[in-house]
Amino acid sequence: MKEKSTYTESDLVKKELEELSPFLLKAKQKIKEDEDIPFRYFETLPEKVIDRITDEKANPASLRDQIMHLFATRKRYVWAFATLFVAALVGTLFLLKPSQSVESQLANIDVHDIKLYLAAHASELDEDQLLQLTRDLHPSNVLQLSDEDMKTVLDEYLYQTQNDAN
């Protein structure tokens, strides 16, 4: 003979839910206990929303509050903007870095390197440049110049080429 079950359908559902996932059953019970909807909540909700909107219009949020809200809701865009800002700042600082003058760059060149360059590229100089170099010195003595003499000759050469260009 069949035994009659004393459980209601709702009790059976609760029992099955408890067997499958006791955590969900406890969470569902907790929600029911904690979040009872107040009496006439939905009837007064539109008025509360309108009051809140008018309050926000009357007392606008400060810039700091707006930025914090933006950061909280759209983190990805804030980080993208911050990255773009930093990249633009670094790029600007890099481009505006003061460049060295020609004189300071030439002062950093080793005299031995200048001699080697002149010896290797003497054929590339035009006739006027070669004549200017040979006015004071004989071409065979170019590699035997002292460091001070080489500097003097190069300074005169650079001064002349700059004046000729102007």
C-alpha atoms as a PDB file:
ATOM      1  CA  MET A   1       0.000   0.000   0.000  1.00  0.00           C
ATOM      2  CA  LYS A   2       1.086   3.524  -0.745  1.00  0.00           C
ATOM      3  CA  GLU A   3       1.990   5.806   2.087  1.00  0.00           C
ATOM      4  CA  LYS A   4       0.680   9.282   1.912  1.00  0.00           C
ATOM      5  CA  SER A   5       3.294  11.911   2.051  1.00  0.00           C
ATOM      6  CA  THR A   6       2.787  14.577   4.652  1.00  0.00           C
ATOM      7  CA  TYR A   7       5.063  16.969   2.771  1.00  0.00           C
ATOM      8  CA  THR A   8       3.641  19.764   0.672  1.00  0.00           C
ATOM      9  CA  GLU A   9       5.057  20.549  -2.733  1.00  0.00           C
ATOM     10  CA  SER A  10       6.910  23.531  -1.355  1.00  0.00           C
ATOM     11  CA  ASP A  11       8.499  21.334   1.322  1.00  0.00           C
ATOM     12  CA  LEU A  12       9.612  18.868  -1.335  1.00  0.00           C
ATOM     13  CA  VAL A  13      11.234  21.684  -3.336  1.00  0.00           C
ATOM     14  CA  LYS A  14      13.034  22.939  -0.230  1.00  0.00           C
ATOM     15  CA  LYS A  15      14.221  19.416   0.585  1.00  0.00           C
ATOM     16  CA  GLU A  16      15.491  18.893  -2.951  1.00  0.00           C
ATOM     17  CA  LEU A  17      17.227  22.264  -2.932  1.00  0.00           C
ATOM     18  CA  GLU A  18      18.830  21.410   0.404  1.00  0.00           C
ATOM     19  CA  GLU A  19      20.090  18.117  -0.993  1.00  0.00           C
ATOM     20  CA  LEU A  20      21.472  19.735  -4.142  1.00  0.00           C
ATOM     21  CA  SER A  21      22.877  22.899  -2.638  1.00  0.00           C
ATOM     22  CA  PRO A  22      22.479  23.776   1.008  1.00  0.00           C
ATOM     23  CA  PHE A  23      24.354  27.025   0.394  1.00  0.00           C
ATOM     24  CA  LEU A  24      21.676  28.259  -2.069  1.00  0.00           C
ATOM     25  CA  LEU A  25      18.901  27.369   0.324  1.00  0.00           C
ATOM     26  CA  LYS A  26      20.539  29.344   3.134  1.00  0.00           C
ATOM     27  CA  ALA A  27      21.160  32.296   0.811  1.00  0.00           C
ATOM     28  CA  LYS A  28      17.535  32.267  -0.336  1.00  0.00           C
ATOM     29  CA  GLN A  29      16.295  32.182   3.256  1.00  0.00           C
ATOM     30  CA  LYS A  30      18.660  34.993   4.242  1.00  0.00           C
ATOM     31  CA  ILE A  31      17.406  37.159   1.369  1.00  0.00           C
ATOM     32  CA  LYS A  32      13.811  36.604   2.446  1.00  0.00           C
ATOM     33  CA  GLU A  33      14.648  37.525   6.034  1.00  0.00           C
ATOM     34  CA  ASP A  34      16.782  40.590   5.227  1.00  0.00           C
ATOM     35  CA  GLU A  35      14.939  42.136   2.341  1.00  0.00           C
ATOM     36  CA  ASP A  36      11.285  42.421   3.052  1.00  0.00           C
ATOM     37  CA  ILE A  37       9.747  45.022   0.773  1.00  0.00           C
ATOM     38  CA  PRO A  38       8.249  47.873   2.794  1.00  0.00           C
ATOM     39  CA  PHE A  39       4.519  48.495   2.636  1.00  0.00           C
ATOM     40  CA  ARG A  40       3.526  50.586  -0.442  1.00  0.00           C
ATOM     41  CA  TYR A  41       7.150  50.689  -1.625  1.00  0.00           C
ATOM     42  CA  PHE A  42       6.321  50.680  -5.336  1.00  0.00           C
ATOM     43  CA  GLU A  43       3.611  53.292  -4.925  1.00  0.00           C
ATOM     44  CA  THR A  44       6.049  55.794  -3.421  1.00  0.00           C
ATOM     45  CA  LEU A  45       9.066  54.864  -5.561  1.00  0.00           C
ATOM     46  CA  PRO A  46       8.450  57.350  -8.442  1.00  0.00           C
ATOM     47  CA  GLU A  47       8.151  60.232  -5.979  1.00  0.00           C
ATOM     48  CA  LYS A  48      11.405  59.226  -4.268  1.00  0.00           C
ATOM     49  CA  VAL A  49      13.221  59.035  -7.601  1.00  0.00           C
ATOM     50  CA  ILE A  50      11.963  62.467  -8.686  1.00  0.00           C
ATOM     51  CA  ASP A  51      12.928  63.967  -5.314  1.00  0.00           C
ATOM     52  CA  ARG A  52      16.426  62.528  -5.608  1.00  0.00           C
ATOM     53  CA  ILE A  53      16.859  63.899  -9.149  1.00  0.00           C
ATOM     54  CA  THR A  54      15.762  67.387  -8.088  1.00  0.00           C
ATOM     55  CA  ASP A  55      18.120  67.244  -5.090  1.00  0.00           C
ATOM     56  CA  GLU A  56      21.022  66.347  -7.374  1.00  0.00           C
ATOM     57  CA  LYS A  57      20.146  69.210  -9.711  1.00  0.00           C
ATOM     58  CA  ALA A  58      19.901  71.649  -6.804  1.00  0.00           C
ATOM     59  CA  ASN A  59      23.154  70.415  -5.209  1.00  0.00           C
ATOM     60  CA  PRO A  60      25.427  69.310  -8.043  1.00  0.00           C
ATOM     61  CA  ALA A  61      28.263  66.990  -7.150  1.00  0.00           C
ATOM     62  CA  SER A  62      31.728  68.471  -6.876  1.00  0.00           C
ATOM     63  CA  LEU A  63      34.326  67.825  -9.547  1.00  0.00           C
ATOM     64  CA  ARG A  64      36.098  65.436  -7.189  1.00  0.00           C
ATOM     65  CA  ASP A  65      32.877  63.448  -6.691  1.00  0.00           C
ATOM     66  CA  GLN A  66      32.261  63.333 -10.439  1.00  0.00           C
ATOM     67  CA  ILE A  67      35.793  62.074 -11.081  1.00  0.00           C
ATOM     68  CA  MET A  68      35.462  59.437  -8.373  1.00  0.00           C
ATOM     69  CA  HIS A  69      32.142  58.315  -9.856  1.00  0.00           C
ATOM     70  CA  LEU A  70      33.685  58.140 -13.309  1.00  0.00           C
ATOM     71  CA  PHE A  71      36.616  56.132 -11.973  1.00  0.00           C
ATOM     72  CA  ALA A  72      34.288  53.740 -10.157  1.00  0.00           C
ATOM     73  CA  THR A  73      32.045  53.133 -13.169  1.00  0.00           C
ATOM     74  CA  ARG A  74      34.419  53.350 -16.122  1.00  0.00           C
ATOM     75  CA  LYS A  75      37.822  52.205 -14.895  1.00  0.00           C
ATOM     76  CA  ARG A  76      38.975  50.988 -18.295  1.00  0.00           C
ATOM     77  CA  TYR A  77      38.456  54.394 -19.910  1.00  0.00           C
ATOM     78  CA  VAL A  78      40.083  56.235 -17.022  1.00  0.00           C
ATOM     79  CA  TRP A  79      43.183  54.031 -17.237  1.00  0.00           C
ATOM     80  CA  ALA A  80      43.313  54.457 -21.018  1.00  0.00           C
ATOM     81  CA  PHE A  81      43.093  58.235 -20.649  1.00  0.00           C
ATOM     82  CA  ALA A  82      45.743  58.257 -17.905  1.00  0.00           C
ATOM     83  CA  THR A  83      48.081  56.165 -20.046  1.00  0.00           C
ATOM     84  CA  LEU A  84      47.551  58.455 -23.008  1.00  0.00           C
ATOM     85  CA  PHE A  85      48.195  61.516 -20.837  1.00  0.00           C
ATOM     86  CA  VAL A  86      51.448  60.095 -19.446  1.00  0.00           C
ATOM     87  CA  ALA A  87      52.632  59.082 -22.928  1.00  0.00           C
ATOM     88  CA  ALA A  88      51.913  62.574 -24.269  1.00  0.00           C
ATOM     89  CA  LEU A  89      53.726  64.153 -21.321  1.00  0.00           C
ATOM     90  CA  VAL A  90      56.807  61.956 -21.737  1.00  0.00           C
ATOM     91  CA  GLY A  91      56.818  62.534 -25.496  1.00  0.00           C
ATOM     92  CA  THR A  92      56.595  66.288 -25.035  1.00  0.00           C
ATOM     93  CA  LEU A  93      59.408  66.311 -22.496  1.00  0.00           C
ATOM     94  CA  PHE A  94      61.538  64.179 -24.814  1.00  0.00           C
ATOM     95  CA  LEU A  95      60.946  66.449 -27.812  1.00  0.00           C
ATOM     96  CA  LEU A  96      61.533  69.645 -25.854  1.00  0.00           C
ATOM     97  CA  LYS A  97      64.800  68.404 -24.396  1.00  0.00           C
ATOM     98  CA  PRO A  98      67.435  71.057 -25.147  1.00  0.00           C
ATOM     99  CA  SER A  99      69.757  69.925 -27.875  1.00  0.00           C
ATOM    100  CA  GLN A 100      73.491  70.434 -27.693  1.00  0.00           C
ATOM    101  CA  SER A 101      75.019  73.190 -29.743  1.00  0.00           C
ATOM    102  CA  VAL A 102      77.394  72.394 -32.602  1.00  0.00           C
ATOM    103  CA  GLU A 103      80.307  73.774 -30.619  1.00  0.00           C
ATOM    104  CA  SER A 104      79.635  71.530 -27.627  1.00  0.00           C
ATOM    105  CA  GLN A 105      79.219  68.507 -29.896  1.00  0.00           C
ATOM    106  CA  LEU A 106      82.533  69.273 -31.622  1.00  0.00           C
ATOM    107  CA  ALA A 107      84.239  69.749 -28.271  1.00  0.00           C
ATOM    108  CA  ASN A 108      83.282  66.180 -27.368  1.00  0.00           C
ATOM    109  CA  ILE A 109      84.934  64.694 -30.493  1.00  0.00           C
ATOM    110  CA  ASP A 110      88.350  63.174 -29.940  1.00  0.00           C
ATOM    111  CA  VAL A 111      91.131  64.754 -32.023  1.00  0.00           C
ATOM    112  CA  HIS A 112      92.371  61.334 -33.093  1.00  0.00           C
ATOM    113  CA  ASP A 113      88.914  60.583 -34.551  1.00  0.00           C
ATOM    114  CA  ILE A 114      89.011  63.871 -36.465  1.00  0.00           C
ATOM    115  CA  LYS A 115      92.388  62.983 -37.955  1.00  0.00           C
ATOM    116  CA  LEU A 116      91.164  59.552 -39.000  1.00  0.00           C
ATOM    117  CA  TYR A 117      88.021  61.043 -40.558  1.00  0.00           C
ATOM    118  CA  LEU A 118      90.001  63.623 -42.550  1.00  0.00           C
ATOM    119  CA  ALA A 119      92.433  60.986 -43.759  1.00  0.00           C
ATOM    120  CA  ALA A 120      89.614  58.655 -44.841  1.00  0.00           C
ATOM    121  CA  HIS A 121      87.391  61.320 -46.421  1.00  0.00           C
ATOM    122  CA  ALA A 122      89.850  63.794 -47.887  1.00  0.00           C
ATOM    123  CA  SER A 123      88.748  62.767 -51.396  1.00  0.00           C
ATOM    124  CA  GLU A 124      85.175  63.853 -50.647  1.00  0.00           C
ATOM    125  CA  LEU A 125      86.112  67.469 -49.901  1.00  0.00           C
ATOM    126  CA  ASP A 126      85.639  69.933 -52.768  1.00  0.00           C
ATOM    127  CA  GLU A 127      88.489  72.044 -54.132  1.00  0.00           C
ATOM    128  CA  ASP A 128      87.693  75.128 -52.038  1.00  0.00           C
ATOM    129  CA  GLN A 129      87.714  73.086 -48.862  1.00  0.00           C
ATOM    130  CA  LEU A 130      91.001  71.416 -49.792  1.00  0.00           C
ATOM    131  CA  LEU A 131      92.584  74.777 -50.640  1.00  0.00           C
ATOM    132  CA  GLN A 132      91.452  76.148 -47.315  1.00  0.00           C
ATOM    133  CA  LEU A 133      93.061  73.224 -45.518  1.00  0.00           C
ATOM    134  CA  THR A 134      96.297  73.571 -47.466  1.00  0.00           C
ATOM    135  CA  ARG A 135      96.695  77.316 -46.984  1.00  0.00           C
ATOM    136  CA  ASP A 136      98.337  76.865 -43.627  1.00  0.00           C
ATOM    137  CA  LEU A 137      99.483  73.258 -43.919  1.00  0.00           C
ATOM    138  CA  HIS A 138     100.954  70.961 -46.506  1.00  0.00           C
ATOM    139  CA  PRO A 139      98.690  67.891 -47.184  1.00  0.00           C
ATOM    140  CA  SER A 140     101.434  65.433 -46.246  1.00  0.00           C
ATOM    141  CA  ASN A 141     101.652  66.932 -42.763  1.00  0.00           C
ATOM    142  CA  VAL A 142      97.937  66.606 -41.955  1.00  0.00           C
ATOM    143  CA  LEU A 143      98.396  63.330 -40.048  1.00  0.00           C
ATOM    144  CA  GLN A 144     101.399  64.716 -38.158  1.00  0.00           C
ATOM    145  CA  LEU A 145      99.567  67.672 -36.605  1.00  0.00           C
ATOM    146  CA  SER A 146      99.484  68.139 -32.874  1.00  0.00           C
ATOM    147  CA  ASP A 147      96.109  68.076 -31.157  1.00  0.00           C
ATOM    148  CA  GLU A 148      96.155  71.843 -30.615  1.00  0.00           C
ATOM    149  CA  ASP A 149      97.068  72.577 -34.253  1.00  0.00           C
ATOM    150  CA  MET A 150      94.344  70.225 -35.500  1.00  0.00           C
ATOM    151  CA  LYS A 151      91.797  71.998 -33.314  1.00  0.00           C
ATOM    152  CA  THR A 152      92.883  75.393 -34.607  1.00  0.00           C
ATOM    153  CA  VAL A 153      92.644  74.288 -38.247  1.00  0.00           C
ATOM    154  CA  LEU A 154      89.213  72.715 -37.717  1.00  0.00           C
ATOM    155  CA  ASP A 155      87.918  75.784 -35.874  1.00  0.00           C
ATOM    156  CA  GLU A 156      89.048  78.035 -38.728  1.00  0.00           C
ATOM    157  CA  TYR A 157      87.542  75.638 -41.259  1.00  0.00           C
ATOM    158  CA  LEU A 158      84.189  75.541 -39.452  1.00  0.00           C
ATOM    159  CA  TYR A 159      84.168  79.320 -39.071  1.00  0.00           C
ATOM    160  CA  GLN A 160      84.836  79.783 -42.796  1.00  0.00           C
ATOM    161  CA  THR A 161      82.184  77.242 -43.874  1.00  0.00           C
ATOM    162  CA  GLN A 162      79.597  78.858 -41.607  1.00  0.00           C
ATOM    163  CA  ASN A 163      80.395  82.321 -43.019  1.00  0.00           C
ATOM    164  CA  ASP A 164      80.298  81.003 -46.588  1.00  0.00           C
ATOM    165  CA  ALA A 165      76.882  79.434 -45.976  1.00  0.00           C
ATOM    166  CA  ASN A 166      75.513  82.779 -44.714  1.00  0.00           C
END
